Amino acid sequence: MSDRSSNFATPNTAHRTLPVAARNRARLATMALFFIAGVMYASWGVHVPTVRDRFHLNPALLSFALLALAGGSIVAMTTIGAWIARVGTRRACFTGGCVMAASGALILVVPTYWLLIVVLAVFGGGMATLDVAMNAEASDVEEAIGKPIMSSLHGMFSLGGMAGAAAGGLVLAHGMPPAVHLAVTSVLSVGVLLVACPAVLPHVSHSDRPDSSEPRMSRWRSPALWALGVTALVSLIAEGAMYDWATVYMRDVVLATPALASAAYAAFSGGMAAARFAGDAVRARFGAPQLIMASASLACFGMVAALLLPFSATALIGFLLMGLGLANMMPVLFAAAARVPGIHAAEGLAHVAGLAYFGMLLGPVLIGGVAQVTNLPIGLSVVALCAGAIAYGGPRVLRRFRI
């Protein structure tokens, strides 16, 4: 058997005694967790304008509120890895999901702006806890069933986001009060958590894992985690920039109509969702380094095409290719972070995810700064450079550390 598939040659020895039905239930439960996480996050996103209007926020105050959410996520990322490793993904998924749901229900109920800041920070912390825990669980399920599934699980998150946004728009169009919508979504989310979490794989301590013979090390001193984290940071610089600037590019440079400009976000997001459901088969057939190289190259080509041919059709095709190319970056990097020898999966994931979040925050600001000094096409060329850098360096990182 080739080395590219050796990580999945046999199930995780810690879970080898579990019946096949238990492993399949765990996979379905993890799919449900990713889906409901996407629903909850999208349901909040639908109400960003509602928050702005309810609290009469100017752009600076709204930005600070969004920063509070991101700050809560980053603080959680730096602190929860060891806790998840101790209590297990089952408890961590349930706790993080419930915190996210409860705080989400309070966003449009709190009476003051400063309480909103606190609630959003807690919401971000719950989201980060669920994110790390369910990705650690996904890594265990991958090993238990003996084949890649991480990309399709992230695809479930994308589907959940699309479903959450669509449902939110539908119920609001029919007159449901925004606070009621968030409350209903929270109750349904807790219901899914109650059903799904008991099927999550049993907690396995690090000493019982197959890599326990490896010497334990601090995640802060792991060259492999730093290399993966920097790669994830660069990837989310590109992804974050696309979410915030693709529509602006269509309006200001391509001179598209508002309706057509909105299609840029849809093309990018649709490409992301579609490619994630195909990514596992490609990773199983060709290996993670090849998938990263091909995906990043496709993303780079798509961005260059959109910038050099600023017409509606070519720009939309370019953004679609960007979505297809960036879709499997984080699933592959997260899967690798969960398998770094000597580091518990949750701690490795928290380290890489924390750095990636910085990239998500940095990307839109970086592109905006470059565009302010030059112009938007030059600013967005940073996205192409990021994709090119990953195509060159990403496979080398995975091969060097054999993860």
Protein backbone atom coordinates (compact mmCIF):
# COMPACT_ATOMS: atom_id res chain seq x y z
CA MET A 1 0.00 0.00 0.00
CA SER A 2 1.31 3.45 -0.89
CA ASP A 3 2.39 5.84 1.86
CA ARG A 4 -0.23 8.38 0.86
CA SER A 5 -3.03 6.15 2.14
CA SER A 6 -1.24 4.57 5.10
CA ASN A 7 -2.92 6.87 7.61
CA PHE A 8 -6.18 5.11 6.81
CA ALA A 9 -4.98 1.56 6.33
CA THR A 10 -6.59 0.36 9.56
CA PRO A 11 -9.01 1.86 12.02
CA ASN A 12 -7.73 3.68 15.08
CA THR A 13 -6.64 0.88 17.44
CA ALA A 14 -8.32 2.64 20.36
CA HIS A 15 -11.69 2.23 18.59
CA ARG A 16 -11.00 -1.03 16.74
CA THR A 17 -13.20 -3.06 19.08
CA LEU A 18 -16.24 -0.89 18.40
CA PRO A 19 -18.86 -2.48 16.13
CA VAL A 20 -19.14 -1.14 12.61
CA ALA A 21 -22.62 0.16 13.44
CA ALA A 22 -21.18 2.28 16.26
CA ARG A 23 -18.60 3.80 13.92
CA ASN A 24 -21.30 4.57 11.35
CA ARG A 25 -23.48 6.17 14.02
CA ALA A 26 -20.52 8.28 15.06
CA ARG A 27 -20.04 9.41 11.48
CA LEU A 28 -23.70 10.41 11.15
CA ALA A 29 -23.57 12.18 14.51
CA THR A 30 -20.49 14.14 13.46
CA MET A 31 -22.20 15.11 10.21
CA ALA A 32 -25.11 16.43 12.26
CA LEU A 33 -22.74 18.45 14.47
CA PHE A 34 -21.07 20.10 11.48
CA PHE A 35 -24.44 20.84 9.89
CA ILE A 36 -25.99 22.42 12.98
CA ALA A 37 -22.84 24.47 13.60
CA GLY A 38 -23.23 25.90 10.09
CA VAL A 39 -26.92 26.62 10.73
CA MET A 40 -26.21 28.46 13.98
CA TYR A 41 -23.42 30.55 12.53
CA ALA A 42 -25.44 31.50 9.45
CA SER A 43 -28.48 32.35 11.57
CA TRP A 44 -26.35 34.87 13.43
CA GLY A 45 -24.94 36.21 10.16
CA VAL A 46 -28.42 36.92 8.82
CA HIS A 47 -28.97 39.29 11.74
CA VAL A 48 -25.84 41.45 11.54
CA PRO A 49 -27.89 44.26 9.93
CA THR A 50 -30.60 43.70 12.58
CA VAL A 51 -28.03 44.16 15.35
CA ARG A 52 -26.78 47.33 13.68
CA ASP A 53 -30.27 48.79 13.47
CA ARG A 54 -31.45 47.68 16.92
CA PHE A 55 -28.50 49.25 18.72
CA HIS A 56 -28.13 52.19 16.26
CA LEU A 57 -24.50 51.35 15.56
CA ASN A 58 -22.17 53.28 13.31
CA PRO A 59 -19.60 51.29 11.29
CA ALA A 60 -16.94 51.60 14.00
CA LEU A 61 -19.19 50.27 16.78
CA LEU A 62 -20.46 47.45 14.57
CA SER A 63 -16.87 46.51 13.71
CA PHE A 64 -16.00 46.44 17.41
CA ALA A 65 -18.95 44.11 18.05
CA LEU A 66 -17.75 41.77 15.30
CA LEU A 67 -14.24 41.96 16.74
CA ALA A 68 -15.62 40.85 20.11
CA LEU A 69 -16.98 37.69 18.49
CA ALA A 70 -13.66 37.00 16.79
CA GLY A 71 -11.78 37.79 20.01
CA GLY A 72 -13.90 35.33 21.99
CA SER A 73 -13.12 32.67 19.40
CA ILE A 74 -9.38 33.31 19.47
CA VAL A 75 -9.19 33.35 23.27
CA ALA A 76 -11.04 30.04 23.37
CA MET A 77 -8.73 28.56 20.73
CA THR A 78 -5.70 29.31 22.88
CA THR A 79 -7.12 27.76 26.05
CA ILE A 80 -9.51 24.89 25.31
CA GLY A 81 -7.23 22.32 23.66
CA ALA A 82 -6.02 20.73 26.90
CA TRP A 83 -9.54 20.77 28.37
CA ILE A 84 -10.99 18.94 25.36
CA ALA A 85 -8.14 16.43 25.52
CA ARG A 86 -9.06 15.78 29.17
CA VAL A 87 -12.87 15.60 29.00
CA GLY A 88 -13.27 14.20 25.49
CA THR A 89 -14.96 15.41 22.33
CA ARG A 90 -18.42 14.16 23.32
CA ARG A 91 -18.67 16.45 26.35
CA ALA A 92 -16.84 19.30 24.60
CA CYS A 93 -19.13 19.23 21.56
CA PHE A 94 -22.21 19.33 23.76
CA THR A 95 -20.86 22.08 26.00
CA GLY A 96 -19.61 24.26 23.15
CA GLY A 97 -22.79 23.79 21.16
CA CYS A 98 -25.04 24.65 24.10
CA VAL A 99 -23.01 27.76 24.94
CA MET A 100 -23.20 28.85 21.32
CA ALA A 101 -26.95 28.22 21.15
CA ALA A 102 -27.76 29.91 24.46
CA SER A 103 -25.69 33.01 23.74
CA GLY A 104 -27.06 33.16 20.20
CA ALA A 105 -30.58 33.33 21.58
CA LEU A 106 -29.57 36.33 23.72
CA ILE A 107 -28.01 38.45 20.95
CA LEU A 108 -31.21 40.35 20.14
CA VAL A 109 -32.58 40.26 23.69
CA VAL A 110 -29.85 42.03 25.68
CA PRO A 111 -30.78 45.65 26.49
CA THR A 112 -27.44 47.42 26.03
CA TYR A 113 -24.58 47.53 23.58
CA TRP A 114 -21.97 46.51 26.16
CA LEU A 115 -23.97 43.44 27.14
CA LEU A 116 -24.12 42.65 23.43
CA ILE A 117 -20.31 42.74 23.36
CA VAL A 118 -20.17 40.22 26.20
CA VAL A 119 -22.75 37.93 24.59
CA LEU A 120 -20.94 37.99 21.24
CA ALA A 121 -17.62 37.16 22.91
CA VAL A 122 -19.28 34.17 24.65
CA PHE A 123 -20.92 33.18 21.35
CA GLY A 124 -17.50 33.21 19.70
CA GLY A 125 -16.02 31.12 22.50
CA GLY A 126 -18.79 28.54 22.23
CA MET A 127 -18.39 28.43 18.46
CA ALA A 128 -14.62 27.88 18.77
CA THR A 129 -15.09 25.14 21.37
CA LEU A 130 -17.56 23.30 19.16
CA ASP A 131 -15.33 23.85 16.13
CA VAL A 132 -12.22 22.31 17.70
CA ALA A 133 -14.13 19.49 19.41
CA MET A 134 -16.07 18.38 16.34
CA ASN A 135 -12.93 18.49 14.18
CA ALA A 136 -11.09 16.37 16.76
CA GLU A 137 -14.04 13.96 16.70
CA ALA A 138 -13.94 13.98 12.89
CA SER A 139 -10.28 12.96 13.00
CA ASP A 140 -11.10 10.05 15.33
CA VAL A 141 -13.96 8.95 13.08
CA GLU A 142 -11.66 9.10 10.03
CA GLU A 143 -9.22 6.77 11.75
CA ALA A 144 -11.97 4.53 13.09
CA ILE A 145 -13.56 3.89 9.70
CA GLY A 146 -10.26 3.87 7.85
CA LYS A 147 -10.86 6.45 5.13
CA PRO A 148 -10.91 10.24 4.67
CA ILE A 149 -14.18 12.01 5.53
CA MET A 150 -12.98 15.41 6.79
CA SER A 151 -13.76 17.33 3.60
CA SER A 152 -17.32 16.04 3.35
CA LEU A 153 -17.89 16.94 7.00
CA HIS A 154 -16.79 20.50 6.25
CA GLY A 155 -19.16 20.30 3.31
CA MET A 156 -21.94 19.61 5.80
CA PHE A 157 -20.97 22.83 7.58
CA SER A 158 -21.29 24.68 4.26
CA LEU A 159 -24.70 23.10 3.64
CA GLY A 160 -25.75 24.05 7.15
CA GLY A 161 -24.70 27.62 6.47
CA MET A 162 -26.68 27.73 3.26
CA ALA A 163 -29.72 26.17 4.96
CA GLY A 164 -29.48 28.53 7.93
CA ALA A 165 -29.23 31.62 5.74
CA ALA A 166 -32.09 30.49 3.49
CA ALA A 167 -34.36 29.57 6.41
CA GLY A 168 -33.56 32.84 8.14
CA GLY A 169 -34.46 34.87 5.10
CA LEU A 170 -37.66 32.89 4.59
CA VAL A 171 -39.04 33.20 8.11
CA LEU A 172 -38.13 36.88 8.32
CA ALA A 173 -39.89 37.51 5.02
CA HIS A 174 -43.00 35.97 6.56
CA GLY A 175 -42.90 38.26 9.56
CA MET A 176 -41.21 36.22 12.29
CA PRO A 177 -39.53 38.58 14.79
CA PRO A 178 -35.71 38.30 14.58
CA ALA A 179 -35.35 37.49 18.29
CA VAL A 180 -37.88 34.66 17.94
CA HIS A 181 -35.99 33.30 14.93
CA LEU A 182 -32.74 33.11 16.90
CA ALA A 183 -34.54 31.53 19.87
CA VAL A 184 -36.17 28.86 17.70
CA THR A 185 -32.86 28.11 15.98
CA SER A 186 -31.18 27.75 19.37
CA VAL A 187 -33.81 25.33 20.67
CA LEU A 188 -33.60 23.21 17.52
CA SER A 189 -29.80 23.23 17.75
CA VAL A 190 -29.84 21.97 21.34
CA GLY A 191 -32.26 19.26 20.23
CA VAL A 192 -29.80 18.10 17.57
CA LEU A 193 -26.97 18.15 20.12
CA LEU A 194 -29.00 16.00 22.52
CA VAL A 195 -29.61 13.43 19.80
CA ALA A 196 -26.18 13.47 18.17
CA CYS A 197 -23.71 13.72 21.05
CA PRO A 198 -24.46 10.31 22.65
CA ALA A 199 -23.36 8.68 19.37
CA VAL A 200 -20.00 10.47 19.34
CA LEU A 201 -17.07 8.08 19.80
CA PRO A 202 -16.06 7.34 23.40
CA HIS A 203 -13.27 9.49 24.81
CA VAL A 204 -9.80 8.00 24.44
CA SER A 205 -7.02 9.38 26.59
CA HIS A 206 -3.79 10.31 24.86
CA SER A 207 -1.93 7.48 26.55
CA ASP A 208 -4.24 4.97 24.86
CA ARG A 209 -3.82 6.36 21.37
CA PRO A 210 -1.71 4.60 18.71
CA ASP A 211 0.89 7.40 18.72
CA SER A 212 1.35 7.27 22.51
CA SER A 213 4.90 5.94 22.10
CA GLU A 214 5.87 9.33 20.71
CA PRO A 215 7.29 11.68 23.34
CA ARG A 216 4.78 14.29 24.45
CA MET A 217 5.63 17.88 23.61
CA SER A 218 4.09 21.30 24.04
CA ARG A 219 2.10 22.41 21.02
CA TRP A 220 3.88 25.75 21.25
CA ARG A 221 7.21 24.05 20.48
CA SER A 222 6.03 21.81 17.65
CA PRO A 223 7.56 22.81 14.29
CA ALA A 224 4.91 20.76 12.49
CA LEU A 225 2.04 22.65 14.13
CA TRP A 226 3.61 26.03 13.41
CA ALA A 227 4.15 25.08 9.77
CA LEU A 228 0.57 23.86 9.45
CA GLY A 229 -0.72 26.92 11.30
CA VAL A 230 1.09 29.38 9.05
CA THR A 231 -0.23 27.53 6.00
CA ALA A 232 -3.76 27.72 7.44
CA LEU A 233 -3.29 31.43 8.19
CA VAL A 234 -2.30 32.14 4.60
CA SER A 235 -5.24 30.08 3.34
CA LEU A 236 -7.76 32.01 5.42
CA ILE A 237 -6.24 35.34 4.40
CA ALA A 238 -7.36 34.39 0.89
CA GLU A 239 -10.71 32.95 1.99
CA GLY A 240 -11.59 35.89 4.24
CA ALA A 241 -10.71 38.36 1.52
CA MET A 242 -12.99 36.60 -0.94
CA TYR A 243 -15.98 36.73 1.40
CA ASP A 244 -15.58 40.46 1.97
CA TRP A 245 -14.23 41.79 -1.32
CA ALA A 246 -15.61 39.64 -4.18
CA THR A 247 -18.91 41.53 -4.36
CA VAL A 248 -17.11 44.88 -4.10
CA TYR A 249 -14.86 43.89 -7.00
CA MET A 250 -17.89 43.00 -9.12
CA ARG A 251 -19.55 46.35 -8.37
CA ASP A 252 -16.56 48.71 -8.59
CA VAL A 253 -14.28 47.08 -11.17
CA VAL A 254 -16.50 44.83 -13.31
CA LEU A 255 -19.35 47.38 -13.03
CA ALA A 256 -21.91 44.60 -12.60
CA THR A 257 -25.49 45.20 -11.52
CA PRO A 258 -26.24 44.66 -7.79
CA ALA A 259 -27.96 41.36 -8.52
CA LEU A 260 -25.06 40.07 -10.60
CA ALA A 261 -22.54 41.34 -8.07
CA SER A 262 -24.25 39.26 -5.38
CA ALA A 263 -23.71 36.20 -7.56
CA ALA A 264 -19.96 36.49 -6.87
CA TYR A 265 -20.47 35.40 -3.26
CA ALA A 266 -22.82 32.63 -4.39
CA ALA A 267 -20.33 31.36 -6.98
CA PHE A 268 -17.50 31.28 -4.46
CA SER A 269 -19.61 29.63 -1.73
CA GLY A 270 -21.14 27.13 -4.16
CA GLY A 271 -17.69 26.12 -5.37
CA MET A 272 -16.57 25.64 -1.77
CA ALA A 273 -19.51 23.39 -0.91
CA ALA A 274 -19.27 21.28 -4.07
CA ALA A 275 -15.53 20.68 -3.85
CA ARG A 276 -15.69 19.61 -0.22
CA PHE A 277 -17.91 16.67 -1.07
CA ALA A 278 -15.41 15.54 -3.70
CA GLY A 279 -12.27 16.20 -1.65
CA ASP A 280 -12.26 12.99 0.37
CA ALA A 281 -12.16 10.75 -2.69
CA VAL A 282 -9.31 12.78 -4.18
CA ARG A 283 -7.34 12.68 -0.92
CA ALA A 284 -7.85 8.92 -0.64
CA ARG A 285 -6.76 8.37 -4.25
CA PHE A 286 -3.84 10.76 -4.61
CA GLY A 287 -2.89 11.89 -1.10
CA ALA A 288 -3.10 15.14 0.85
CA PRO A 289 0.01 16.83 -0.64
CA GLN A 290 -1.27 16.35 -4.19
CA LEU A 291 -4.74 17.60 -3.22
CA ILE A 292 -3.29 20.74 -1.63
CA MET A 293 -1.06 21.48 -4.62
CA ALA A 294 -3.81 20.98 -7.21
CA SER A 295 -6.40 22.90 -5.18
CA ALA A 296 -4.17 25.88 -4.47
CA SER A 297 -3.05 26.00 -8.12
CA LEU A 298 -6.69 26.04 -9.23
CA ALA A 299 -7.47 28.85 -6.79
CA CYS A 300 -4.51 30.87 -8.02
CA PHE A 301 -5.55 30.40 -11.65
CA GLY A 302 -9.14 31.41 -10.88
CA MET A 303 -8.09 34.61 -9.10
CA VAL A 304 -5.65 35.59 -11.86
CA ALA A 305 -8.33 35.00 -14.50
CA ALA A 306 -10.85 37.14 -12.60
CA LEU A 307 -8.31 39.98 -12.29
CA LEU A 308 -6.94 39.89 -15.84
CA LEU A 309 -10.37 39.49 -17.47
CA PRO A 310 -12.67 41.86 -15.53
CA PHE A 311 -15.92 40.89 -17.23
CA SER A 312 -18.99 39.49 -15.50
CA ALA A 313 -18.78 35.95 -16.89
CA THR A 314 -15.03 35.51 -16.50
CA ALA A 315 -15.02 37.04 -13.00
CA LEU A 316 -17.80 34.72 -11.85
CA ILE A 317 -16.00 31.72 -13.32
CA GLY A 318 -12.82 32.86 -11.60
CA PHE A 319 -14.57 33.14 -8.24
CA LEU A 320 -16.12 29.72 -8.74
CA LEU A 321 -12.65 28.28 -9.35
CA MET A 322 -11.43 30.08 -6.23
CA GLY A 323 -14.13 28.39 -4.20
CA LEU A 324 -13.31 25.00 -5.70
CA GLY A 325 -9.62 25.54 -4.98
CA LEU A 326 -9.84 26.84 -1.41
CA ALA A 327 -12.53 24.40 -0.29
CA ASN A 328 -10.28 21.58 0.89
CA MET A 329 -7.45 23.61 2.42
CA MET A 330 -8.78 23.68 5.96
CA PRO A 331 -10.13 20.09 6.01
CA VAL A 332 -6.73 18.74 4.92
CA LEU A 333 -4.76 20.98 7.30
CA PHE A 334 -7.08 20.17 10.21
CA ALA A 335 -6.77 16.45 9.50
CA ALA A 336 -2.99 16.82 9.54
CA ALA A 337 -3.02 18.91 12.74
CA ALA A 338 -4.96 16.17 14.52
CA ARG A 339 -2.25 13.62 13.66
CA VAL A 340 0.94 15.39 14.72
CA PRO A 341 2.87 12.83 16.84
CA GLY A 342 3.12 13.66 20.52
CA ILE A 343 0.25 16.20 20.42
CA HIS A 344 -3.35 15.42 21.32
CA ALA A 345 -5.70 16.01 18.39
CA ALA A 346 -7.66 18.74 20.18
CA GLU A 347 -4.51 20.65 21.14
CA GLY A 348 -3.12 20.45 17.61
CA LEU A 349 -6.41 21.56 16.12
CA ALA A 350 -6.74 24.46 18.56
CA HIS A 351 -3.24 25.67 17.66
CA VAL A 352 -3.76 25.55 13.91
CA ALA A 353 -7.33 26.89 14.08
CA GLY A 354 -6.23 29.80 16.26
CA LEU A 355 -3.61 30.87 13.72
CA ALA A 356 -6.14 30.38 10.93
CA TYR A 357 -8.61 32.72 12.64
CA PHE A 358 -5.96 35.42 12.65
CA GLY A 359 -5.72 34.94 8.90
CA MET A 360 -9.48 35.31 8.53
CA LEU A 361 -9.31 38.62 10.42
CA LEU A 362 -6.19 39.82 8.63
CA GLY A 363 -7.27 39.04 5.06
CA PRO A 364 -9.98 41.68 4.50
CA VAL A 365 -7.91 44.34 6.28
CA LEU A 366 -4.78 43.50 4.29
CA ILE A 367 -6.58 43.62 0.94
CA GLY A 368 -8.29 46.87 1.93
CA GLY A 369 -4.99 48.45 2.92
CA VAL A 370 -3.26 47.49 -0.32
CA ALA A 371 -6.29 48.64 -2.32
CA GLN A 372 -6.27 51.99 -0.52
CA VAL A 373 -2.65 52.61 -1.51
CA THR A 374 -3.00 51.23 -5.06
CA ASN A 375 -6.32 49.86 -6.34
CA LEU A 376 -8.63 46.90 -5.69
CA PRO A 377 -7.31 44.59 -8.45
CA ILE A 378 -3.79 44.94 -7.04
CA GLY A 379 -5.16 44.40 -3.55
CA LEU A 380 -6.87 41.19 -4.63
CA SER A 381 -3.67 40.00 -6.27
CA VAL A 382 -2.59 39.24 -2.69
CA VAL A 383 -5.18 36.45 -2.80
CA ALA A 384 -3.53 34.95 -5.87
CA LEU A 385 -0.13 35.22 -4.19
CA CYS A 386 -1.45 33.43 -1.11
CA ALA A 387 -2.84 30.59 -3.24
CA GLY A 388 0.44 30.33 -5.14
CA ALA A 389 2.42 30.22 -1.91
CA ILE A 390 0.26 27.36 -0.62
CA ALA A 391 0.61 25.45 -3.89
CA TYR A 392 4.40 25.67 -3.48
CA GLY A 393 4.80 25.28 0.28
CA GLY A 394 1.78 23.28 1.46
CA PRO A 395 2.77 19.92 -0.05
CA ARG A 396 6.31 20.37 1.28
CA VAL A 397 5.02 20.90 4.80
CA LEU A 398 2.89 17.74 4.67
CA ARG A 399 5.70 15.65 3.19
CA ARG A 400 8.39 16.99 5.52
CA PHE A 401 6.48 16.11 8.66
CA ARG A 402 4.81 13.01 7.13
CA ILE A 403 1.31 14.03 8.23
